[in-house]
mmCIF file of all heavy atoms, coordinates in Angstrom:
data_MODEL
# 
_entry.id   MODEL 
# 
loop_
_atom_site.group_PDB 
_atom_site.id 
_atom_site.type_symbol 
_atom_site.label_atom_id 
_atom_site.label_alt_id 
_atom_site.label_comp_id 
_atom_site.label_asym_id 
_atom_site.label_entity_id 
_atom_site.label_seq_id 
_atom_site.pdbx_PDB_ins_code 
_atom_site.Cartn_x 
_atom_site.Cartn_y 
_atom_site.Cartn_z 
_atom_site.occupancy 
_atom_site.B_iso_or_equiv 
_atom_site.pdbx_formal_charge 
_atom_site.auth_seq_id 
_atom_site.auth_comp_id 
_atom_site.auth_asym_id 
_atom_site.auth_atom_id 
_atom_site.pdbx_PDB_model_num 
ATOM 1   N N   . GLN A 1 1  ? -8.226  3.466   13.451  1.00 0.00 ? 1  GLN A N   1 
ATOM 2   C CA  . GLN A 1 1  ? -9.678  3.452   13.586  1.00 0.00 ? 1  GLN A CA  1 
ATOM 3   C C   . GLN A 1 1  ? -10.067 2.384   14.600  1.00 0.00 ? 1  GLN A C   1 
ATOM 4   O O   . GLN A 1 1  ? -9.543  1.270   14.565  1.00 0.00 ? 1  GLN A O   1 
ATOM 5   C CB  . GLN A 1 1  ? -10.354 3.169   12.240  1.00 0.00 ? 1  GLN A CB  1 
ATOM 6   C CG  . GLN A 1 1  ? -10.167 4.266   11.211  1.00 0.00 ? 1  GLN A CG  1 
ATOM 7   C CD  . GLN A 1 1  ? -10.907 3.981   9.923   1.00 0.00 ? 1  GLN A CD  1 
ATOM 8   O OE1 . GLN A 1 1  ? -11.593 2.969   9.777   1.00 0.00 ? 1  GLN A OE1 1 
ATOM 9   N NE2 . GLN A 1 1  ? -10.777 4.881   8.943   1.00 0.00 ? 1  GLN A NE2 1 
ATOM 10  N N   . GLU A 1 2  ? -11.012 2.745   15.462  1.00 0.00 ? 2  GLU A N   1 
ATOM 11  C CA  . GLU A 1 2  ? -11.426 1.842   16.541  1.00 0.00 ? 2  GLU A CA  1 
ATOM 12  C C   . GLU A 1 2  ? -12.937 1.930   16.705  1.00 0.00 ? 2  GLU A C   1 
ATOM 13  O O   . GLU A 1 2  ? -13.515 3.018   16.640  1.00 0.00 ? 2  GLU A O   1 
ATOM 14  C CB  . GLU A 1 2  ? -10.713 2.249   17.834  1.00 0.00 ? 2  GLU A CB  1 
ATOM 15  C CG  . GLU A 1 2  ? -10.880 1.299   18.991  1.00 0.00 ? 2  GLU A CG  1 
ATOM 16  C CD  . GLU A 1 2  ? -10.045 1.723   20.185  1.00 0.00 ? 2  GLU A CD  1 
ATOM 17  O OE1 . GLU A 1 2  ? -8.843  2.043   19.984  1.00 0.00 ? 2  GLU A OE1 1 
ATOM 18  O OE2 . GLU A 1 2  ? -10.579 1.751   21.306  1.00 0.00 ? 2  GLU A OE2 1 
ATOM 19  N N   . PHE A 1 3  ? -13.581 0.763   16.944  1.00 0.00 ? 3  PHE A N   1 
ATOM 20  C CA  . PHE A 1 3  ? -15.032 0.699   17.062  1.00 0.00 ? 3  PHE A CA  1 
ATOM 21  C C   . PHE A 1 3  ? -15.414 -0.053  18.332  1.00 0.00 ? 3  PHE A C   1 
ATOM 22  O O   . PHE A 1 3  ? -14.802 -1.065  18.676  1.00 0.00 ? 3  PHE A O   1 
ATOM 23  C CB  . PHE A 1 3  ? -15.650 0.001   15.844  1.00 0.00 ? 3  PHE A CB  1 
ATOM 24  C CG  . PHE A 1 3  ? -15.340 0.690   14.542  1.00 0.00 ? 3  PHE A CG  1 
ATOM 25  C CD1 . PHE A 1 3  ? -14.186 0.371   13.826  1.00 0.00 ? 3  PHE A CD1 1 
ATOM 26  C CD2 . PHE A 1 3  ? -16.183 1.660   14.037  1.00 0.00 ? 3  PHE A CD2 1 
ATOM 27  C CE1 . PHE A 1 3  ? -13.886 1.001   12.634  1.00 0.00 ? 3  PHE A CE1 1 
ATOM 28  C CE2 . PHE A 1 3  ? -15.893 2.300   12.843  1.00 0.00 ? 3  PHE A CE2 1 
ATOM 29  C CZ  . PHE A 1 3  ? -14.749 1.979   12.141  1.00 0.00 ? 3  PHE A CZ  1 
ATOM 30  N N   . GLU A 1 4  ? -16.450 0.449   18.991  1.00 0.00 ? 4  GLU A N   1 
ATOM 31  C CA  . GLU A 1 4  ? -16.889 -0.171  20.239  1.00 0.00 ? 4  GLU A CA  1 
ATOM 32  C C   . GLU A 1 4  ? -17.551 -1.517  19.991  1.00 0.00 ? 4  GLU A C   1 
ATOM 33  O O   . GLU A 1 4  ? -17.403 -2.451  20.776  1.00 0.00 ? 4  GLU A O   1 
ATOM 34  C CB  . GLU A 1 4  ? -17.854 0.776   20.963  1.00 0.00 ? 4  GLU A CB  1 
ATOM 35  C CG  . GLU A 1 4  ? -18.271 0.311   22.344  1.00 0.00 ? 4  GLU A CG  1 
ATOM 36  C CD  . GLU A 1 4  ? -19.145 1.329   23.033  1.00 0.00 ? 4  GLU A CD  1 
ATOM 37  O OE1 . GLU A 1 4  ? -20.198 1.679   22.467  1.00 0.00 ? 4  GLU A OE1 1 
ATOM 38  O OE2 . GLU A 1 4  ? -18.778 1.783   24.132  1.00 0.00 ? 4  GLU A OE2 1 
ATOM 39  N N   . ALA A 1 5  ? -18.304 -1.652  18.901  1.00 0.00 ? 5  ALA A N   1 
ATOM 40  C CA  . ALA A 1 5  ? -18.992 -2.905  18.591  1.00 0.00 ? 5  ALA A CA  1 
ATOM 41  C C   . ALA A 1 5  ? -17.972 -3.980  18.196  1.00 0.00 ? 5  ALA A C   1 
ATOM 42  O O   . ALA A 1 5  ? -17.120 -3.761  17.322  1.00 0.00 ? 5  ALA A O   1 
ATOM 43  C CB  . ALA A 1 5  ? -19.991 -2.687  17.455  1.00 0.00 ? 5  ALA A CB  1 
ATOM 44  N N   . ASP A 1 6  ? -18.057 -5.144  18.822  1.00 0.00 ? 6  ASP A N   1 
ATOM 45  C CA  . ASP A 1 6  ? -17.087 -6.218  18.575  1.00 0.00 ? 6  ASP A CA  1 
ATOM 46  C C   . ASP A 1 6  ? -17.159 -6.739  17.140  1.00 0.00 ? 6  ASP A C   1 
ATOM 47  O O   . ASP A 1 6  ? -16.153 -7.235  16.607  1.00 0.00 ? 6  ASP A O   1 
ATOM 48  C CB  . ASP A 1 6  ? -17.322 -7.376  19.547  1.00 0.00 ? 6  ASP A CB  1 
ATOM 49  C CG  . ASP A 1 6  ? -17.013 -6.994  20.984  1.00 0.00 ? 6  ASP A CG  1 
ATOM 50  O OD1 . ASP A 1 6  ? -16.202 -6.062  21.187  1.00 0.00 ? 6  ASP A OD1 1 
ATOM 51  O OD2 . ASP A 1 6  ? -17.583 -7.613  21.899  1.00 0.00 ? 6  ASP A OD2 1 
ATOM 52  N N   . GLU A 1 7  ? -18.347 -6.655  16.510  1.00 0.00 ? 7  GLU A N   1 
ATOM 53  C CA  . GLU A 1 7  ? -18.478 -7.197  15.164  1.00 0.00 ? 7  GLU A CA  1 
ATOM 54  C C   . GLU A 1 7  ? -17.751 -6.342  14.118  1.00 0.00 ? 7  GLU A C   1 
ATOM 55  O O   . GLU A 1 7  ? -17.438 -6.847  13.036  1.00 0.00 ? 7  GLU A O   1 
ATOM 56  C CB  . GLU A 1 7  ? -19.961 -7.301  14.784  1.00 0.00 ? 7  GLU A CB  1 
ATOM 57  C CG  . GLU A 1 7  ? -20.747 -8.299  15.613  1.00 0.00 ? 7  GLU A CG  1 
ATOM 58  C CD  . GLU A 1 7  ? -21.263 -7.687  16.916  1.00 0.00 ? 7  GLU A CD  1 
ATOM 59  O OE1 . GLU A 1 7  ? -20.824 -6.568  17.275  1.00 0.00 ? 7  GLU A OE1 1 
ATOM 60  O OE2 . GLU A 1 7  ? -22.106 -8.328  17.561  1.00 0.00 ? 7  GLU A OE2 1 
ATOM 61  N N   . LEU A 1 8  ? -17.512 -5.092  14.431  1.00 0.00 ? 8  LEU A N   1 
ATOM 62  C CA  . LEU A 1 8  ? -16.814 -4.214  13.504  1.00 0.00 ? 8  LEU A CA  1 
ATOM 63  C C   . LEU A 1 8  ? -15.308 -4.385  13.651  1.00 0.00 ? 8  LEU A C   1 
ATOM 64  O O   . LEU A 1 8  ? -14.827 -4.838  14.683  1.00 0.00 ? 8  LEU A O   1 
ATOM 65  C CB  . LEU A 1 8  ? -17.217 -2.756  13.739  1.00 0.00 ? 8  LEU A CB  1 
ATOM 66  C CG  . LEU A 1 8  ? -18.691 -2.445  13.515  1.00 0.00 ? 8  LEU A CG  1 
ATOM 67  C CD1 . LEU A 1 8  ? -18.988 -0.987  13.872  1.00 0.00 ? 8  LEU A CD1 1 
ATOM 68  C CD2 . LEU A 1 8  ? -19.092 -2.733  12.068  1.00 0.00 ? 8  LEU A CD2 1 
ATOM 69  N N   . ARG A 1 9  ? -14.572 -3.985  12.619  1.00 0.00 ? 9  ARG A N   1 
ATOM 70  C CA  . ARG A 1 9  ? -13.137 -4.225  12.573  1.00 0.00 ? 9  ARG A CA  1 
ATOM 71  C C   . ARG A 1 9  ? -12.367 -2.909  12.574  1.00 0.00 ? 9  ARG A C   1 
ATOM 72  O O   . ARG A 1 9  ? -12.487 -2.118  11.639  1.00 0.00 ? 9  ARG A O   1 
ATOM 73  C CB  . ARG A 1 9  ? -12.777 -5.040  11.315  1.00 0.00 ? 9  ARG A CB  1 
ATOM 74  C CG  . ARG A 1 9  ? -13.334 -6.462  11.328  1.00 0.00 ? 9  ARG A CG  1 
ATOM 75  C CD  . ARG A 1 9  ? -13.261 -7.074  9.936   1.00 0.00 ? 9  ARG A CD  1 
ATOM 76  N NE  . ARG A 1 9  ? -13.611 -8.497  9.952   1.00 0.00 ? 9  ARG A NE  1 
ATOM 77  C CZ  . ARG A 1 9  ? -14.831 -8.969  9.952   1.00 0.00 ? 9  ARG A CZ  1 
ATOM 78  N NH1 . ARG A 1 9  ? -15.857 -8.129  9.926   1.00 0.00 ? 9  ARG A NH1 1 
ATOM 79  N NH2 . ARG A 1 9  ? -15.065 -10.276 9.971   1.00 0.00 ? 9  ARG A NH2 1 
ATOM 80  N N   . GLY A 1 10 ? -11.596 -2.716  13.623  1.00 0.00 ? 10 GLY A N   1 
ATOM 81  C CA  . GLY A 1 10 ? -10.698 -1.579  13.653  1.00 0.00 ? 10 GLY A CA  1 
ATOM 82  C C   . GLY A 1 10 ? -9.519  -1.809  12.725  1.00 0.00 ? 10 GLY A C   1 
ATOM 83  O O   . GLY A 1 10 ? -9.305  -2.904  12.202  1.00 0.00 ? 10 GLY A O   1 
ATOM 84  N N   . SER A 1 11 ? -8.728  -0.769  12.524  1.00 0.00 ? 11 SER A N   1 
ATOM 85  C CA  . SER A 1 11 ? -7.606  -0.898  11.589  1.00 0.00 ? 11 SER A CA  1 
ATOM 86  C C   . SER A 1 11 ? -6.534  0.122   11.901  1.00 0.00 ? 11 SER A C   1 
ATOM 87  O O   . SER A 1 11 ? -6.779  1.141   12.555  1.00 0.00 ? 11 SER A O   1 
ATOM 88  C CB  . SER A 1 11 ? -8.088  -0.714  10.143  1.00 0.00 ? 11 SER A CB  1 
ATOM 89  O OG  . SER A 1 11 ? -8.608  0.596   9.947   1.00 0.00 ? 11 SER A OG  1 
ATOM 90  N N   . ASP A 1 12 ? -5.322  -0.184  11.427  1.00 0.00 ? 12 ASP A N   1 
ATOM 91  C CA  . ASP A 1 12 ? -4.203  0.749   11.411  1.00 0.00 ? 12 ASP A CA  1 
ATOM 92  C C   . ASP A 1 12 ? -3.682  0.784   9.981   1.00 0.00 ? 12 ASP A C   1 
ATOM 93  O O   . ASP A 1 12 ? -3.360  -0.262  9.401   1.00 0.00 ? 12 ASP A O   1 
ATOM 94  C CB  . ASP A 1 12 ? -3.090  0.316   12.368  1.00 0.00 ? 12 ASP A CB  1 
ATOM 95  C CG  . ASP A 1 12 ? -3.506  0.440   13.818  1.00 0.00 ? 12 ASP A CG  1 
ATOM 96  O OD1 . ASP A 1 12 ? -3.696  1.569   14.283  1.00 0.00 ? 12 ASP A OD1 1 
ATOM 97  O OD2 . ASP A 1 12 ? -3.648  -0.613  14.486  1.00 0.00 ? 12 ASP A OD2 1 
ATOM 98  N N   . ILE A 1 13 ? -3.607  1.980   9.433   1.00 0.00 ? 13 ILE A N   1 
ATOM 99  C CA  . ILE A 1 13 ? -3.166  2.154   8.050   1.00 0.00 ? 13 ILE A CA  1 
ATOM 100 C C   . ILE A 1 13 ? -1.922  3.030   8.050   1.00 0.00 ? 13 ILE A C   1 
ATOM 101 O O   . ILE A 1 13 ? -1.943  4.154   8.559   1.00 0.00 ? 13 ILE A O   1 
ATOM 102 C CB  . ILE A 1 13 ? -4.267  2.795   7.187   1.00 0.00 ? 13 ILE A CB  1 
ATOM 103 C CG1 . ILE A 1 13 ? -5.550  1.976   7.270   1.00 0.00 ? 13 ILE A CG1 1 
ATOM 104 C CG2 . ILE A 1 13 ? -3.797  2.919   5.738   1.00 0.00 ? 13 ILE A CG2 1 
ATOM 105 C CD1 . ILE A 1 13 ? -6.726  2.638   6.604   1.00 0.00 ? 13 ILE A CD1 1 
ATOM 106 N N   . TYR A 1 14 ? -0.852  2.518   7.471   1.00 0.00 ? 14 TYR A N   1 
ATOM 107 C CA  . TYR A 1 14 ? 0.423   3.243   7.401   1.00 0.00 ? 14 TYR A CA  1 
ATOM 108 C C   . TYR A 1 14 ? 0.658   3.644   5.942   1.00 0.00 ? 14 TYR A C   1 
ATOM 109 O O   . TYR A 1 14 ? 0.595   2.800   5.045   1.00 0.00 ? 14 TYR A O   1 
ATOM 110 C CB  . TYR A 1 14 ? 1.565   2.374   7.905   1.00 0.00 ? 14 TYR A CB  1 
ATOM 111 C CG  . TYR A 1 14 ? 1.351   1.826   9.295   1.00 0.00 ? 14 TYR A CG  1 
ATOM 112 C CD1 . TYR A 1 14 ? 0.673   0.618   9.488   1.00 0.00 ? 14 TYR A CD1 1 
ATOM 113 C CD2 . TYR A 1 14 ? 1.807   2.521   10.406  1.00 0.00 ? 14 TYR A CD2 1 
ATOM 114 C CE1 . TYR A 1 14 ? 0.462   0.117   10.770  1.00 0.00 ? 14 TYR A CE1 1 
ATOM 115 C CE2 . TYR A 1 14 ? 1.609   2.023   11.694  1.00 0.00 ? 14 TYR A CE2 1 
ATOM 116 C CZ  . TYR A 1 14 ? 0.933   0.831   11.860  1.00 0.00 ? 14 TYR A CZ  1 
ATOM 117 O OH  . TYR A 1 14 ? 0.730   0.343   13.131  1.00 0.00 ? 14 TYR A OH  1 
ATOM 118 N N   . ARG A 1 15 ? 0.917   4.935   5.723   1.00 0.00 ? 15 ARG A N   1 
ATOM 119 C CA  . ARG A 1 15 ? 1.105   5.437   4.370   1.00 0.00 ? 15 ARG A CA  1 
ATOM 120 C C   . ARG A 1 15 ? 2.437   6.154   4.245   1.00 0.00 ? 15 ARG A C   1 
ATOM 121 O O   . ARG A 1 15 ? 2.888   6.816   5.181   1.00 0.00 ? 15 ARG A O   1 
ATOM 122 C CB  . ARG A 1 15 ? -0.010  6.417   3.982   1.00 0.00 ? 15 ARG A CB  1 
ATOM 123 C CG  . ARG A 1 15 ? -1.402  5.835   3.913   1.00 0.00 ? 15 ARG A CG  1 
ATOM 124 C CD  . ARG A 1 15 ? -2.384  6.886   3.416   1.00 0.00 ? 15 ARG A CD  1 
ATOM 125 N NE  . ARG A 1 15 ? -3.745  6.372   3.292   1.00 0.00 ? 15 ARG A NE  1 
ATOM 126 C CZ  . ARG A 1 15 ? -4.686  6.515   4.206   1.00 0.00 ? 15 ARG A CZ  1 
ATOM 127 N NH1 . ARG A 1 15 ? -4.407  7.142   5.337   1.00 0.00 ? 15 ARG A NH1 1 
ATOM 128 N NH2 . ARG A 1 15 ? -5.887  6.026   4.013   1.00 0.00 ? 15 ARG A NH2 1 
ATOM 129 N N   . GLY A 1 16 ? 3.026   6.043   3.074   1.00 0.00 ? 16 GLY A N   1 
ATOM 130 C CA  . GLY A 1 16 ? 4.215   6.811   2.736   1.00 0.00 ? 16 GLY A CA  1 
ATOM 131 C C   . GLY A 1 16 ? 4.114   7.264   1.292   1.00 0.00 ? 16 GLY A C   1 
ATOM 132 O O   . GLY A 1 16 ? 3.670   6.498   0.425   1.00 0.00 ? 16 GLY A O   1 
ATOM 133 N N   . ASP A 1 17 ? 4.508   8.517   1.030   1.00 0.00 ? 17 ASP A N   1 
ATOM 134 C CA  . ASP A 1 17 ? 4.366   9.058   -0.316  1.00 0.00 ? 17 ASP A CA  1 
ATOM 135 C C   . ASP A 1 17 ? 5.579   9.902   -0.669  1.00 0.00 ? 17 ASP A C   1 
ATOM 136 O O   . ASP A 1 17 ? 6.059   10.697  0.150   1.00 0.00 ? 17 ASP A O   1 
ATOM 137 C CB  . ASP A 1 17 ? 3.099   9.913   -0.415  1.00 0.00 ? 17 ASP A CB  1 
ATOM 138 C CG  . ASP A 1 17 ? 2.862   10.424  -1.825  1.00 0.00 ? 17 ASP A CG  1 
ATOM 139 O OD1 . ASP A 1 17 ? 3.432   11.472  -2.187  1.00 0.00 ? 17 ASP A OD1 1 
ATOM 140 O OD2 . ASP A 1 17 ? 2.121   9.763   -2.569  1.00 0.00 ? 17 ASP A OD2 1 
ATOM 141 N N   . LEU A 1 18 ? 6.070   9.730   -1.880  1.00 0.00 ? 18 LEU A N   1 
ATOM 142 C CA  . LEU A 1 18 ? 7.184   10.521  -2.407  1.00 0.00 ? 18 LEU A CA  1 
ATOM 143 C C   . LEU A 1 18 ? 6.746   11.103  -3.748  1.00 0.00 ? 18 LEU A C   1 
ATOM 144 O O   . LEU A 1 18 ? 6.330   10.364  -4.646  1.00 0.00 ? 18 LEU A O   1 
ATOM 145 C CB  . LEU A 1 18 ? 8.427   9.651   -2.596  1.00 0.00 ? 18 LEU A CB  1 
ATOM 146 C CG  . LEU A 1 18 ? 9.634   10.317  -3.269  1.00 0.00 ? 18 LEU A CG  1 
ATOM 147 C CD1 . LEU A 1 18 ? 10.162  11.472  -2.422  1.00 0.00 ? 18 LEU A CD1 1 
ATOM 148 C CD2 . LEU A 1 18 ? 10.731  9.295   -3.527  1.00 0.00 ? 18 LEU A CD2 1 
ATOM 149 N N   . SER A 1 19 ? 6.833   12.435  -3.877  1.00 0.00 ? 19 SER A N   1 
ATOM 150 C CA  . SER A 1 19 ? 6.404   13.112  -5.096  1.00 0.00 ? 19 SER A CA  1 
ATOM 151 C C   . SER A 1 19 ? 7.475   14.093  -5.566  1.00 0.00 ? 19 SER A C   1 
ATOM 152 O O   . SER A 1 19 ? 8.138   14.744  -4.747  1.00 0.00 ? 19 SER A O   1 
ATOM 153 C CB  . SER A 1 19 ? 5.092   13.879  -4.872  1.00 0.00 ? 19 SER A CB  1 
ATOM 154 O OG  . SER A 1 19 ? 4.030   12.998  -4.584  1.00 0.00 ? 19 SER A OG  1 
ATOM 155 N N   . PHE A 1 20 ? 7.600   14.212  -6.888  1.00 0.00 ? 20 PHE A N   1 
ATOM 156 C CA  . PHE A 1 20 ? 8.456   15.217  -7.509  1.00 0.00 ? 20 PHE A CA  1 
ATOM 157 C C   . PHE A 1 20 ? 7.592   16.051  -8.457  1.00 0.00 ? 20 PHE A C   1 
ATOM 158 O O   . PHE A 1 20 ? 6.887   15.500  -9.305  1.00 0.00 ? 20 PHE A O   1 
ATOM 159 C CB  . PHE A 1 20 ? 9.608   14.571  -8.275  1.00 0.00 ? 20 PHE A CB  1 
ATOM 160 C CG  . PHE A 1 20 ? 10.599  13.869  -7.403  1.00 0.00 ? 20 PHE A CG  1 
ATOM 161 C CD1 . PHE A 1 20 ? 10.454  12.517  -7.109  1.00 0.00 ? 20 PHE A CD1 1 
ATOM 162 C CD2 . PHE A 1 20 ? 11.683  14.556  -6.860  1.00 0.00 ? 20 PHE A CD2 1 
ATOM 163 C CE1 . PHE A 1 20 ? 11.368  11.855  -6.299  1.00 0.00 ? 20 PHE A CE1 1 
ATOM 164 C CE2 . PHE A 1 20 ? 12.598  13.911  -6.052  1.00 0.00 ? 20 PHE A CE2 1 
ATOM 165 C CZ  . PHE A 1 20 ? 12.441  12.566  -5.761  1.00 0.00 ? 20 PHE A CZ  1 
ATOM 166 N N   . ASP A 1 21 ? 7.656   17.351  -8.291  1.00 0.00 ? 21 ASP A N   1 
ATOM 167 C CA  . ASP A 1 21 ? 6.893   18.270  -9.122  1.00 0.00 ? 21 ASP A CA  1 
ATOM 168 C C   . ASP A 1 21 ? 7.868   19.125  -9.928  1.00 0.00 ? 21 ASP A C   1 
ATOM 169 O O   . ASP A 1 21 ? 8.812   19.691  -9.364  1.00 0.00 ? 21 ASP A O   1 
ATOM 170 C CB  . ASP A 1 21 ? 6.008   19.185  -8.272  1.00 0.00 ? 21 ASP A CB  1 
ATOM 171 C CG  . ASP A 1 21 ? 5.128   18.409  -7.311  1.00 0.00 ? 21 ASP A CG  1 
ATOM 172 O OD1 . ASP A 1 21 ? 4.543   17.402  -7.754  1.00 0.00 ? 21 ASP A OD1 1 
ATOM 173 O OD2 . ASP A 1 21 ? 5.043   18.789  -6.127  1.00 0.00 ? 21 ASP A OD2 1 
ATOM 174 N N   . HIS A 1 22 ? 7.616   19.224  -11.232 1.00 0.00 ? 22 HIS A N   1 
ATOM 175 C CA  . HIS A 1 22 ? 8.482   20.021  -12.092 1.00 0.00 ? 22 HIS A CA  1 
ATOM 176 C C   . HIS A 1 22 ? 7.628   20.986  -12.914 1.00 0.00 ? 22 HIS A C   1 
ATOM 177 O O   . HIS A 1 22 ? 6.678   20.571  -13.576 1.00 0.00 ? 22 HIS A O   1 
ATOM 178 C CB  . HIS A 1 22 ? 9.288   19.124  -13.033 1.00 0.00 ? 22 HIS A CB  1 
ATOM 179 C CG  . HIS A 1 22 ? 10.246  19.886  -13.899 1.00 0.00 ? 22 HIS A CG  1 
ATOM 180 N ND1 . HIS A 1 22 ? 11.409  20.447  -13.399 1.00 0.00 ? 22 HIS A ND1 1 
ATOM 181 C CD2 . HIS A 1 22 ? 10.213  20.178  -15.232 1.00 0.00 ? 22 HIS A CD2 1 
ATOM 182 C CE1 . HIS A 1 22 ? 12.048  21.046  -14.380 1.00 0.00 ? 22 HIS A CE1 1 
ATOM 183 N NE2 . HIS A 1 22 ? 11.351  20.905  -15.499 1.00 0.00 ? 22 HIS A NE2 1 
ATOM 184 N N   . ARG A 1 23 ? 7.961   22.267  -12.842 1.00 0.00 ? 23 ARG A N   1 
ATOM 185 C CA  . ARG A 1 23 ? 7.223   23.277  -13.576 1.00 0.00 ? 23 ARG A CA  1 
ATOM 186 C C   . ARG A 1 23 ? 7.679   23.254  -15.030 1.00 0.00 ? 23 ARG A C   1 
ATOM 187 O O   . ARG A 1 23 ? 8.784   23.694  -15.368 1.00 0.00 ? 23 ARG A O   1 
ATOM 188 C CB  . ARG A 1 23 ? 7.442   24.658  -12.951 1.00 0.00 ? 23 ARG A CB  1 
ATOM 189 C CG  . ARG A 1 23 ? 6.507   25.730  -13.522 1.00 0.00 ? 23 ARG A CG  1 
ATOM 190 C CD  . ARG A 1 23 ? 6.563   26.980  -12.698 1.00 0.00 ? 23 ARG A CD  1 
ATOM 191 N NE  . ARG A 1 23 ? 7.911   27.522  -12.634 1.00 0.00 ? 23 ARG A NE  1 
ATOM 192 C CZ  . ARG A 1 23 ? 8.288   28.470  -11.784 1.00 0.00 ? 23 ARG A CZ  1 
ATOM 193 N NH1 . ARG A 1 23 ? 7.439   28.933  -10.891 1.00 0.00 ? 23 ARG A NH1 1 
ATOM 194 N NH2 . ARG A 1 23 ? 9.533   28.933  -11.810 1.00 0.00 ? 23 ARG A NH2 1 
ATOM 195 N N   . LEU A 1 24 ? 6.801   22.762  -15.907 1.00 0.00 ? 24 LEU A N   1 
ATOM 196 C CA  . LEU A 1 24 ? 7.126   22.629  -17.323 1.00 0.00 ? 24 LEU A CA  1 
ATOM 197 C C   . LEU A 1 24 ? 6.985   23.957  -18.058 1.00 0.00 ? 24 LEU A C   1 
ATOM 198 O O   . LEU A 1 24 ? 7.784   24.279  -18.936 1.00 0.00 ? 24 LEU A O   1 
ATOM 199 C CB  . LEU A 1 24 ? 6.228   21.568  -17.957 1.00 0.00 ? 24 LEU A CB  1 
ATOM 200 C CG  . LEU A 1 24 ? 6.332   20.169  -17.328 1.00 0.00 ? 24 LEU A CG  1 
ATOM 201 C CD1 . LEU A 1 24 ? 5.274   19.250  -17.912 1.00 0.00 ? 24 LEU A CD1 1 
ATOM 202 C CD2 . LEU A 1 24 ? 7.719   19.580  -17.540 1.00 0.00 ? 24 LEU A CD2 1 
ATOM 203 N N   . THR A 1 25 ? 5.942   24.695  -17.725 1.00 0.00 ? 25 THR A N   1 
ATOM 204 C CA  . THR A 1 25 ? 5.718   26.029  -18.275 1.00 0.00 ? 25 THR A CA  1 
ATOM 205 C C   . THR A 1 25 ? 5.218   26.900  -17.123 1.00 0.00 ? 25 THR A C   1 
ATOM 206 O O   . THR A 1 25 ? 4.919   26.390  -16.034 1.00 0.00 ? 25 THR A O   1 
ATOM 207 C CB  . THR A 1 25 ? 4.668   26.010  -19.407 1.00 0.00 ? 25 THR A CB  1 
ATOM 208 O OG1 . THR A 1 25 ? 3.369   25.790  -18.837 1.00 0.00 ? 25 THR A OG1 1 
ATOM 209 C CG2 . THR A 1 25 ? 4.969   24.922  -20.427 1.00 0.00 ? 25 THR A CG2 1 
# 
């Protein structure tokens, strides 16, 4: 995220996700 106004704060967000799904019924 990037903003032209100097007072605002840009950011970089790094995400990682691991999921296991099991069909119970």
